[in-house]
Amino acid sequence: SLDQLTKDVLIGPALEELTFRAAPLAAWKTAPKGITAIPFALAHVGPNLMGQSPGFIAWRLAETGASGYFYEMTYRKNGFAAAWLAHAAHNAAVALVQALK
C-alpha cells in the first residue's frame, strides 16, 4: 500500500538516520568511523529473522552492516539529507524488487 511504502521508503530511513547517525555522531564527536554500522546491523537482525538459516542471518548482518557504513560515511561527508536519501533509495530499490516478485 502507499502508506506502507511511505513508511518504508521515507519515514523509516529518516528515523533510522536520526537514531543511528545524527544523534550518536552529534553526541560523540570523535566516534570511530563505521561505529554506527554495528547497532544499525544488529537492529535489522531480530525477531523477523527467527527460523532463518545461520547463513542468511550472517548475510543480513553483512548487508546491513555495509549499508550502515555507507550511510555513515555519506552522513559524515554530506550531512543528514544525503544519508537519508541514500537510505531511502536503497529501501525503494528493495520495495521495487519485492513488488516484481
N, C-alpha and C. Protein backbone atom coordinates (compact mmCIF):
# COMPACT_ATOMS: atom_id res chain seq x y z
N SER A 1 0.84 -1.19 0.00
CA SER A 1 0.00 0.00 0.00
C SER A 1 0.88 1.25 0.00
N LEU A 2 0.30 2.35 -0.37
CA LEU A 2 1.02 3.62 -0.39
C LEU A 2 1.47 4.03 1.00
N ASP A 3 0.63 3.76 2.00
CA ASP A 3 1.01 4.08 3.39
C ASP A 3 2.25 3.31 3.81
N GLN A 4 2.28 2.01 3.51
CA GLN A 4 3.44 1.20 3.88
C GLN A 4 4.68 1.63 3.11
N LEU A 5 4.52 1.95 1.84
CA LEU A 5 5.64 2.41 1.03
C LEU A 5 6.21 3.72 1.58
N THR A 6 5.33 4.62 1.99
CA THR A 6 5.76 5.88 2.59
C THR A 6 6.56 5.62 3.87
N LYS A 7 6.08 4.70 4.69
CA LYS A 7 6.79 4.35 5.92
C LYS A 7 8.14 3.72 5.62
N ASP A 8 8.17 2.77 4.69
CA ASP A 8 9.40 2.03 4.38
C ASP A 8 10.44 2.87 3.65
N VAL A 9 9.98 3.78 2.78
CA VAL A 9 10.92 4.50 1.93
C VAL A 9 11.24 5.90 2.44
N LEU A 10 10.33 6.55 3.12
CA LEU A 10 10.58 7.92 3.57
C LEU A 10 10.74 8.05 5.08
N ILE A 11 9.73 7.61 5.82
CA ILE A 11 9.73 7.81 7.26
C ILE A 11 10.76 6.93 7.97
N GLY A 12 10.77 5.64 7.62
CA GLY A 12 11.71 4.71 8.26
C GLY A 12 13.17 5.16 8.11
N PRO A 13 13.62 5.43 6.89
CA PRO A 13 15.01 5.89 6.74
C PRO A 13 15.31 7.19 7.49
N ALA A 14 14.36 8.11 7.51
CA ALA A 14 14.58 9.37 8.25
C ALA A 14 14.78 9.09 9.74
N LEU A 15 13.89 8.28 10.31
CA LEU A 15 14.00 7.96 11.74
C LEU A 15 15.27 7.18 12.04
N GLU A 16 15.61 6.24 11.16
CA GLU A 16 16.83 5.45 11.39
C GLU A 16 18.09 6.30 11.25
N GLU A 17 18.11 7.23 10.31
CA GLU A 17 19.28 8.09 10.18
C GLU A 17 19.41 9.03 11.38
N LEU A 18 18.29 9.49 11.91
CA LEU A 18 18.34 10.29 13.14
C LEU A 18 18.85 9.45 14.31
N THR A 19 18.33 8.22 14.41
CA THR A 19 18.66 7.35 15.53
C THR A 19 20.08 6.80 15.46
N PHE A 20 20.47 6.34 14.28
CA PHE A 20 21.75 5.63 14.16
C PHE A 20 22.91 6.51 13.69
N ARG A 21 22.65 7.65 13.11
CA ARG A 21 23.73 8.51 12.65
C ARG A 21 23.72 9.88 13.35
N ALA A 22 22.67 10.65 13.15
CA ALA A 22 22.68 12.04 13.62
C ALA A 22 22.87 12.17 15.13
N ALA A 23 22.06 11.49 15.90
CA ALA A 23 22.15 11.62 17.36
C ALA A 23 23.48 11.09 17.92
N PRO A 24 23.87 9.84 17.57
CA PRO A 24 25.13 9.35 18.14
C PRO A 24 26.35 10.15 17.72
N LEU A 25 26.41 10.56 16.45
CA LEU A 25 27.59 11.28 15.99
C LEU A 25 27.62 12.72 16.49
N ALA A 26 26.45 13.30 16.78
CA ALA A 26 26.42 14.62 17.40
C ALA A 26 26.89 14.54 18.85
N ALA A 27 26.52 13.46 19.53
CA ALA A 27 26.89 13.29 20.93
C ALA A 27 28.34 12.85 21.10
N TRP A 28 28.85 12.10 20.12
CA TRP A 28 30.21 11.54 20.21
C TRP A 28 30.99 12.03 19.01
N LYS A 29 31.53 13.23 19.14
CA LYS A 29 32.21 13.90 18.02
C LYS A 29 33.43 13.15 17.51
N THR A 30 34.07 12.38 18.38
CA THR A 30 35.29 11.66 17.98
C THR A 30 35.03 10.18 17.74
N ALA A 31 33.79 9.83 17.45
CA ALA A 31 33.43 8.42 17.22
C ALA A 31 34.25 7.85 16.08
N PRO A 32 34.75 6.61 16.24
CA PRO A 32 35.49 5.99 15.15
C PRO A 32 34.60 5.78 13.93
N LYS A 33 35.20 5.91 12.77
CA LYS A 33 34.44 5.72 11.53
C LYS A 33 33.86 4.31 11.47
N GLY A 34 32.61 4.24 11.10
CA GLY A 34 31.93 2.97 10.95
C GLY A 34 31.22 2.48 12.19
N ILE A 35 31.37 3.17 13.30
CA ILE A 35 30.82 2.69 14.57
C ILE A 35 29.30 2.55 14.53
N THR A 36 28.62 3.41 13.80
CA THR A 36 27.15 3.35 13.79
C THR A 36 26.62 2.17 12.98
N ALA A 37 27.48 1.56 12.18
CA ALA A 37 27.05 0.41 11.37
C ALA A 37 26.72 -0.80 12.26
N ILE A 38 27.37 -0.89 13.40
CA ILE A 38 27.19 -2.06 14.27
C ILE A 38 25.76 -2.11 14.85
N PRO A 39 25.33 -1.08 15.58
CA PRO A 39 23.95 -1.15 16.09
C PRO A 39 22.91 -1.15 14.98
N PHE A 40 23.22 -0.49 13.86
CA PHE A 40 22.30 -0.49 12.72
C PHE A 40 22.09 -1.92 12.21
N ALA A 41 23.18 -2.65 12.04
CA ALA A 41 23.07 -4.04 11.56
C ALA A 41 22.34 -4.91 12.58
N LEU A 42 22.70 -4.78 13.83
CA LEU A 42 22.06 -5.60 14.87
C LEU A 42 20.56 -5.32 14.97
N ALA A 43 20.17 -4.07 14.76
CA ALA A 43 18.75 -3.73 14.82
C ALA A 43 17.96 -4.35 13.68
N HIS A 44 18.65 -4.68 12.60
CA HIS A 44 17.98 -5.28 11.44
C HIS A 44 18.01 -6.80 11.46
N VAL A 45 18.61 -7.36 12.47
CA VAL A 45 18.61 -8.81 12.65
C VAL A 45 17.91 -9.06 13.98
N GLY A 46 16.64 -9.38 13.90
CA GLY A 46 15.86 -9.55 15.11
C GLY A 46 14.83 -10.63 14.93
N PRO A 47 13.72 -10.46 15.61
CA PRO A 47 12.67 -11.49 15.59
C PRO A 47 12.15 -11.83 14.20
N ASN A 48 12.23 -10.86 13.26
CA ASN A 48 11.74 -11.15 11.92
C ASN A 48 12.62 -12.18 11.20
N LEU A 49 13.78 -12.50 11.74
CA LEU A 49 14.65 -13.50 11.12
C LEU A 49 14.64 -14.83 11.86
N MET A 50 13.78 -14.95 12.86
CA MET A 50 13.68 -16.22 13.59
C MET A 50 13.35 -17.34 12.61
N GLY A 51 14.04 -18.43 12.72
CA GLY A 51 13.80 -19.56 11.85
C GLY A 51 14.61 -19.52 10.56
N GLN A 52 15.32 -18.43 10.32
CA GLN A 52 16.16 -18.35 9.13
C GLN A 52 17.47 -19.10 9.38
N SER A 53 18.11 -19.48 8.31
CA SER A 53 19.38 -20.20 8.43
C SER A 53 20.47 -19.26 8.95
N PRO A 54 21.47 -19.84 9.62
CA PRO A 54 22.59 -19.01 10.09
C PRO A 54 23.28 -18.27 8.93
N GLY A 55 23.35 -18.91 7.77
CA GLY A 55 23.96 -18.27 6.61
C GLY A 55 23.20 -17.02 6.18
N PHE A 56 21.87 -17.11 6.20
CA PHE A 56 21.06 -15.96 5.82
C PHE A 56 21.21 -14.84 6.84
N ILE A 57 21.24 -15.19 8.11
CA ILE A 57 21.39 -14.18 9.16
C ILE A 57 22.77 -13.51 9.03
N ALA A 58 23.81 -14.29 8.74
CA ALA A 58 25.14 -13.72 8.54
C ALA A 58 25.13 -12.77 7.34
N TRP A 59 24.47 -13.20 6.26
CA TRP A 59 24.36 -12.33 5.08
C TRP A 59 23.64 -11.03 5.43
N ARG A 60 22.56 -11.13 6.19
CA ARG A 60 21.78 -9.95 6.56
C ARG A 60 22.61 -9.00 7.42
N LEU A 61 23.39 -9.56 8.36
CA LEU A 61 24.28 -8.72 9.18
C LEU A 61 25.32 -8.02 8.30
N ALA A 62 25.90 -8.76 7.36
CA ALA A 62 26.91 -8.18 6.48
C ALA A 62 26.30 -7.10 5.59
N GLU A 63 25.14 -7.38 5.03
CA GLU A 63 24.50 -6.43 4.12
C GLU A 63 24.09 -5.16 4.84
N THR A 64 23.46 -5.30 6.00
CA THR A 64 23.03 -4.10 6.72
C THR A 64 24.21 -3.38 7.37
N GLY A 65 25.24 -4.14 7.74
CA GLY A 65 26.45 -3.50 8.27
C GLY A 65 27.14 -2.66 7.20
N ALA A 66 27.26 -3.22 5.99
CA ALA A 66 27.86 -2.48 4.89
C ALA A 66 27.02 -1.25 4.53
N SER A 67 25.71 -1.43 4.51
CA SER A 67 24.83 -0.30 4.22
C SER A 67 24.97 0.78 5.30
N GLY A 68 24.99 0.35 6.56
CA GLY A 68 25.15 1.29 7.67
C GLY A 68 26.46 2.06 7.58
N TYR A 69 27.52 1.36 7.17
CA TYR A 69 28.81 2.03 7.00
C TYR A 69 28.73 3.08 5.88
N PHE A 70 28.12 2.69 4.77
CA PHE A 70 27.94 3.61 3.64
C PHE A 70 27.12 4.83 4.07
N TYR A 71 26.02 4.60 4.77
CA TYR A 71 25.18 5.72 5.21
C TYR A 71 25.96 6.64 6.16
N GLU A 72 26.76 6.03 7.04
CA GLU A 72 27.54 6.85 7.96
C GLU A 72 28.56 7.70 7.22
N MET A 73 29.27 7.11 6.26
CA MET A 73 30.25 7.88 5.51
C MET A 73 29.57 9.00 4.71
N THR A 74 28.38 8.70 4.19
CA THR A 74 27.61 9.72 3.48
C THR A 74 27.20 10.83 4.43
N TYR A 75 26.75 10.45 5.63
CA TYR A 75 26.37 11.43 6.64
C TYR A 75 27.56 12.32 7.02
N ARG A 76 28.69 11.69 7.28
CA ARG A 76 29.87 12.45 7.70
C ARG A 76 30.32 13.44 6.62
N LYS A 77 30.24 13.03 5.38
CA LYS A 77 30.74 13.87 4.29
C LYS A 77 29.70 14.88 3.80
N ASN A 78 28.44 14.48 3.72
CA ASN A 78 27.43 15.31 3.07
C ASN A 78 26.23 15.68 3.93
N GLY A 79 26.15 15.14 5.15
CA GLY A 79 25.08 15.52 6.06
C GLY A 79 23.88 14.60 6.06
N PHE A 80 22.92 14.98 6.88
CA PHE A 80 21.74 14.16 7.13
C PHE A 80 20.93 13.90 5.86
N ALA A 81 20.64 14.94 5.10
CA ALA A 81 19.77 14.78 3.92
C ALA A 81 20.35 13.76 2.94
N ALA A 82 21.65 13.81 2.73
CA ALA A 82 22.28 12.88 1.79
C ALA A 82 22.19 11.44 2.30
N ALA A 83 22.44 11.24 3.60
CA ALA A 83 22.34 9.90 4.17
C ALA A 83 20.91 9.39 4.10
N TRP A 84 19.96 10.26 4.39
CA TRP A 84 18.55 9.89 4.32
C TRP A 84 18.17 9.50 2.90
N LEU A 85 18.58 10.29 1.93
CA LEU A 85 18.25 9.98 0.53
C LEU A 85 18.90 8.67 0.08
N ALA A 86 20.14 8.43 0.49
CA ALA A 86 20.80 7.16 0.13
C ALA A 86 20.04 5.98 0.73
N HIS A 87 19.68 6.11 1.98
CA HIS A 87 18.94 5.06 2.68
C HIS A 87 17.57 4.86 2.04
N ALA A 88 16.88 5.96 1.73
CA ALA A 88 15.56 5.88 1.09
C ALA A 88 15.66 5.24 -0.29
N ALA A 89 16.70 5.55 -1.04
CA ALA A 89 16.88 4.95 -2.36
C ALA A 89 17.09 3.44 -2.25
N HIS A 90 17.86 3.02 -1.26
CA HIS A 90 18.07 1.59 -1.04
C HIS A 90 16.74 0.90 -0.71
N ASN A 91 15.98 1.49 0.21
CA ASN A 91 14.70 0.90 0.58
C ASN A 91 13.72 0.89 -0.59
N ALA A 92 13.76 1.93 -1.42
CA ALA A 92 12.90 1.96 -2.61
C ALA A 92 13.27 0.84 -3.58
N ALA A 93 14.57 0.60 -3.75
CA ALA A 93 15.02 -0.49 -4.63
C ALA A 93 14.56 -1.84 -4.09
N VAL A 94 14.66 -2.04 -2.79
CA VAL A 94 14.20 -3.28 -2.17
C VAL A 94 12.70 -3.44 -2.38
N ALA A 95 11.95 -2.38 -2.16
CA ALA A 95 10.49 -2.43 -2.35
C ALA A 95 10.14 -2.76 -3.79
N LEU A 96 10.88 -2.21 -4.74
CA LEU A 96 10.62 -2.48 -6.15
C LEU A 96 10.89 -3.95 -6.48
N VAL A 97 11.99 -4.47 -6.00
CA VAL A 97 12.31 -5.88 -6.24
C VAL A 97 11.23 -6.78 -5.63
N GLN A 98 10.79 -6.48 -4.43
CA GLN A 98 9.75 -7.27 -3.79
C GLN A 98 8.43 -7.18 -4.55
N ALA A 99 8.13 -6.02 -5.09
CA ALA A 99 6.89 -5.84 -5.85
C ALA A 99 6.93 -6.61 -7.17
N LEU A 100 8.11 -6.81 -7.73
CA LEU A 100 8.25 -7.51 -9.00
C LEU A 100 8.28 -9.03 -8.86
N LYS A 101 8.36 -9.51 -7.64
CA LYS A 101 8.40 -10.96 -7.42
C LYS A 101 7.09 -11.60 -7.79
